Protein backbone atom coordinates (compact mmCIF):
# COMPACT_ATOMS: atom_id res chain seq x y z
CA UNK A 1 155.94 235.02 108.98
CA UNK A 2 155.27 234.90 112.75
CA UNK A 3 158.59 235.87 113.91
CA UNK A 4 157.67 238.28 116.70
CA UNK A 5 159.96 240.25 118.81
CA UNK A 6 163.31 238.98 117.54
CA UNK A 7 165.10 241.96 119.25
CA UNK A 8 166.57 239.85 122.14
CA UNK A 9 169.96 239.51 120.13
CA UNK A 10 172.65 240.44 122.71
CA UNK A 11 175.90 238.60 123.78
CA UNK A 12 175.33 235.59 126.13
CA UNK A 13 177.10 232.34 126.77
CA UNK A 14 175.91 229.44 124.74
CA UNK A 15 173.38 227.00 126.12
CA UNK A 16 172.15 223.78 124.57
CA UNK A 17 168.37 223.16 124.17
CA UNK A 18 166.10 221.69 121.47
CA UNK A 19 169.22 219.62 120.00
CA UNK A 20 166.75 218.19 117.26
CA UNK A 21 166.45 221.68 115.78
CA UNK A 22 169.96 221.90 114.74
CA UNK A 23 169.53 218.68 112.59
CA UNK A 24 166.49 220.28 110.70
CA UNK A 25 168.13 223.75 110.33
CA UNK A 26 171.47 222.26 109.24
CA UNK A 27 169.83 220.34 106.37
CA UNK A 28 167.29 223.21 105.38
CA UNK A 29 169.05 226.49 106.16
CA UNK A 30 171.90 227.71 103.90
CA UNK A 31 171.56 231.55 104.11
CA UNK A 32 167.92 232.39 103.47
CA UNK A 33 165.41 230.39 101.69
CA UNK A 34 161.80 231.00 101.05
CA UNK A 35 160.00 228.23 99.01
CA UNK A 36 156.44 227.02 98.29
CA UNK A 37 154.16 224.79 96.28
CA UNK A 38 150.74 225.55 95.20
CA UNK A 39 147.77 223.11 94.53
CA UNK A 40 144.28 224.11 93.58
CA UNK A 41 143.21 224.53 97.07
CA UNK A 42 146.30 224.14 99.02
CA UNK A 43 149.63 226.19 99.67
CA UNK A 44 152.68 224.84 101.46
CA UNK A 45 155.58 227.22 102.21
CA UNK A 46 158.85 226.92 104.01
CA UNK A 47 160.90 229.95 105.21
CA UNK A 48 164.33 229.57 106.77
CA UNK A 49 167.17 231.68 107.53
CA UNK A 50 170.69 231.80 109.41
CA UNK A 51 172.93 234.74 109.94
CA UNK A 52 176.25 235.09 111.44
CA UNK A 53 177.64 238.66 111.64
CA UNK A 54 180.38 240.31 113.60
CA UNK A 55 179.34 243.03 116.05
CA UNK A 56 181.32 246.02 116.86
CA UNK A 57 182.76 244.50 119.89
CA UNK A 58 184.02 241.51 117.97
CA UNK A 59 181.40 239.10 119.23
CA UNK A 60 179.56 236.81 116.75
CA UNK A 61 175.64 237.22 116.37
CA UNK A 62 174.20 234.00 115.40
CA UNK A 63 170.37 233.69 114.73
CA UNK A 64 168.37 231.00 112.81
CA UNK A 65 164.96 229.94 112.27
CA UNK A 66 162.74 227.63 110.32
CA UNK A 67 159.00 228.32 109.60
CA UNK A 68 156.43 226.15 107.91
CA UNK A 69 153.07 227.48 106.83
CA UNK A 70 150.17 225.48 105.32
CA UNK A 71 146.95 227.15 103.90
CA UNK A 72 143.69 225.33 102.70
CA UNK A 73 141.05 227.19 100.76
CA UNK A 74 137.42 226.06 101.93
CA UNK A 75 135.58 228.56 99.80
CA UNK A 76 136.90 231.24 97.26
CA UNK A 77 137.20 233.70 100.11
CA UNK A 78 137.67 231.57 103.24
CA UNK A 79 140.79 229.57 104.03
CA UNK A 80 142.49 228.07 107.11
CA UNK A 81 146.08 228.65 108.10
CA UNK A 82 148.46 226.30 110.13
CA UNK A 83 152.05 227.05 111.07
CA UNK A 84 155.06 226.11 113.12
CA UNK A 85 158.18 227.91 113.63
CA UNK A 86 161.53 227.03 115.40
CA UNK A 87 163.92 229.94 116.22
CA UNK A 88 167.37 229.76 118.06
CA UNK A 89 170.18 232.14 118.86
CA UNK A 90 173.45 231.17 120.58
CA UNK A 91 174.31 234.85 121.54
CA UNK A 92 171.07 236.42 122.62
CA UNK A 93 168.61 236.89 125.51
CA UNK A 94 165.98 234.85 123.55
CA UNK A 95 167.80 231.59 123.14
CA UNK A 96 164.93 229.34 121.66
CA UNK A 97 161.50 229.72 120.61
CA UNK A 98 158.77 227.26 119.45
CA UNK A 99 155.49 228.51 117.91
CA UNK A 100 152.52 226.30 116.90
CA UNK A 101 149.22 227.77 115.58
CA UNK A 102 146.19 227.63 113.45
CA UNK A 103 143.11 229.85 112.44
CA UNK A 104 140.80 231.15 109.75
CA UNK A 105 141.42 233.86 107.17
CA UNK A 106 138.61 235.74 105.26
CA UNK A 107 138.91 237.91 102.25
CA UNK A 108 136.74 240.95 102.88
CA UNK A 109 137.51 243.12 99.74
CA UNK A 110 138.84 242.05 96.27
CA UNK A 111 139.30 244.46 93.14
CA UNK A 112 141.48 244.00 90.20
CA UNK A 113 144.64 245.52 91.81
CA UNK A 114 143.93 245.17 95.49
CA UNK A 115 142.92 242.56 98.09
CA UNK A 116 142.24 242.80 101.85
CA UNK A 117 142.11 239.81 104.22
CA UNK A 118 141.53 239.51 108.02
CA UNK A 119 142.28 236.28 110.14
CA UNK A 120 142.24 235.05 113.68
CA UNK A 121 143.37 231.93 115.45
CA UNK A 122 145.29 230.52 118.47
CA UNK A 123 148.86 229.74 118.68
CA UNK A 124 151.05 228.04 121.52
CA UNK A 125 154.35 229.70 122.43
CA UNK A 126 157.41 228.11 124.30
CA UNK A 127 160.25 230.46 124.94
CA UNK A 128 163.61 229.89 126.60
CA UNK A 129 165.48 232.92 127.66
CA UNK A 130 169.06 233.31 129.16
CA UNK A 131 168.45 233.95 132.80
CA UNK A 132 171.74 235.60 133.12
CA UNK A 133 170.71 238.38 130.81
CA UNK A 134 167.31 239.19 132.22
CA UNK A 135 167.32 242.42 134.36
CA UNK A 136 163.84 241.78 136.16
CA UNK A 137 161.91 238.91 137.71
CA UNK A 138 160.61 237.45 134.45
CA UNK A 139 160.93 233.59 134.39
CA UNK A 140 163.53 232.22 131.96
CA UNK A 141 161.18 229.73 130.45
CA UNK A 142 157.53 230.49 129.50
CA UNK A 143 154.82 228.48 127.98
CA UNK A 144 151.75 230.60 126.85
CA UNK A 145 148.83 230.61 124.47
CA UNK A 146 148.25 233.90 122.38
CA UNK A 147 145.67 235.00 119.82
CA UNK A 148 147.02 234.96 116.23
CA UNK A 149 145.28 237.88 114.44
CA UNK A 150 146.34 239.19 111.23
CA UNK A 151 145.51 241.79 108.56
CA UNK A 152 146.75 241.35 104.84
CA UNK A 153 146.91 244.02 102.07
CA UNK A 154 148.05 242.80 98.65
CA UNK A 155 148.18 245.43 95.79
CA UNK A 156 149.70 244.97 92.27
CA UNK A 157 151.57 247.99 91.40
CA UNK A 158 152.27 246.72 87.87
CA UNK A 159 152.35 243.51 86.02
CA UNK A 160 155.69 242.50 87.75
CA UNK A 161 155.64 244.28 90.91
CA UNK A 162 153.41 243.67 94.14
CA UNK A 163 153.29 245.28 97.39
CA UNK A 164 152.30 243.17 100.33
CA UNK A 165 151.47 244.43 103.89
CA UNK A 166 150.88 242.24 106.70
CA UNK A 167 150.10 243.02 110.31
CA UNK A 168 150.30 240.62 113.19
CA UNK A 169 148.57 241.10 116.53
CA UNK A 170 149.27 238.49 119.29
CA UNK A 171 147.98 239.20 122.66
CA UNK A 172 148.08 236.81 125.41
CA UNK A 173 144.85 234.95 126.04
CA UNK A 174 144.93 235.35 129.82
CA UNK A 175 146.21 238.92 129.82
CA UNK A 176 145.69 241.09 126.64
CA UNK A 177 148.00 243.75 128.08
CA UNK A 178 150.83 241.41 127.12
CA UNK A 179 150.83 241.68 123.27
CA UNK A 180 153.31 241.46 120.47
CA UNK A 181 152.78 243.00 117.09
CA UNK A 182 154.61 242.70 113.80
CA UNK A 183 154.33 245.23 110.81
CA UNK A 184 155.74 243.58 107.66
CA UNK A 185 155.78 245.66 104.44
CA UNK A 186 157.29 243.64 101.25
CA UNK A 187 157.81 244.67 97.61
CA UNK A 188 157.90 241.66 95.34
CA UNK A 189 159.55 242.23 91.96
CA UNK A 190 159.02 239.21 89.43
CA UNK A 191 162.30 237.84 88.07
CA UNK A 192 160.70 234.76 86.33
CA UNK A 193 157.29 233.17 86.57
CA UNK A 194 158.74 231.16 89.62
CA UNK A 195 161.27 233.47 91.40
CA UNK A 196 160.56 236.91 92.88
CA UNK A 197 163.05 239.32 94.34
CA UNK A 198 161.65 240.50 97.80
CA UNK A 199 162.70 243.67 99.60
CA UNK A 200 161.08 243.70 103.19
CA UNK A 201 160.85 246.04 106.05
CA UNK A 202 159.69 244.90 109.44
CA UNK A 203 158.92 246.61 112.68
CA UNK A 204 158.42 244.29 115.84
CA UNK A 205 156.98 245.65 119.20
CA UNK A 206 156.52 243.86 122.46
CA UNK A 207 154.49 245.55 125.08
CA UNK A 208 156.35 243.63 127.93
CA UNK A 209 159.73 242.55 126.93
CA UNK A 210 162.27 241.01 129.40
CA UNK A 211 164.10 243.62 131.37
CA UNK A 212 166.93 245.02 129.51
CA UNK A 213 165.53 244.68 126.18
CA UNK A 214 163.95 247.40 124.06
CA UNK A 215 160.35 247.01 123.14
CA UNK A 216 160.94 247.93 119.52
CA UNK A 217 162.97 246.21 116.73
CA UNK A 218 163.40 247.26 113.05
CA UNK A 219 164.72 245.35 110.12
CA UNK A 220 165.37 245.79 106.35
CA UNK A 221 166.15 242.38 104.30
CA UNK A 222 166.14 241.40 100.78
CA UNK A 223 166.27 238.05 99.14
CA UNK A 224 164.42 235.76 96.58
CA UNK A 225 161.36 233.66 96.91
CA UNK A 226 160.57 230.57 94.89
CA UNK A 227 157.02 229.26 94.28
CA UNK A 228 156.16 226.14 92.35
CA UNK A 229 152.78 224.95 91.13
């Protein structure tokens, strides 16, 4: 997933933007969903999630996202990737984010238990921040282009267990000093032929976060993924 720098979750008044997102998220998001369908040379996946949790001060943390990803294999080792993401938070510094991107991914190494892929592309990013929560002169609304670089390592530990490591590096095209990274480490345990239990650790880093926001964010999640063919 391309959810980078989701560490802007702080209390803030509610502001209405991207009203059509609420309709889509309301239909597809229940608590946390990852589903996909594979064709011989194509793979469509949908990731969605919503969280409501009470913080220590009694406020309600509300974060939701919808991510759609499509891959097409041109050759055995060469594929293209395309993605779109909507993210919204009613209580954070980051209020809304829209991502759209495309690129190419190449498999450099493949053995029986392990594969290693690299990829690069371009993505459009549109962010809306809560101006009242920003502690520097950063604009509350930004539209930028970033590189969408990725590294993917997939290793089968046993017949039913896989380890997947993904690294995303997304520097701003006009200023490489403004970069966001995501390290995603997942363990997938097969429950059935179509369902996996996923345990995930993520570390997000922003070299230039808005004023008052920490540059690093860590998360640990678990859930189920469904894949159909």
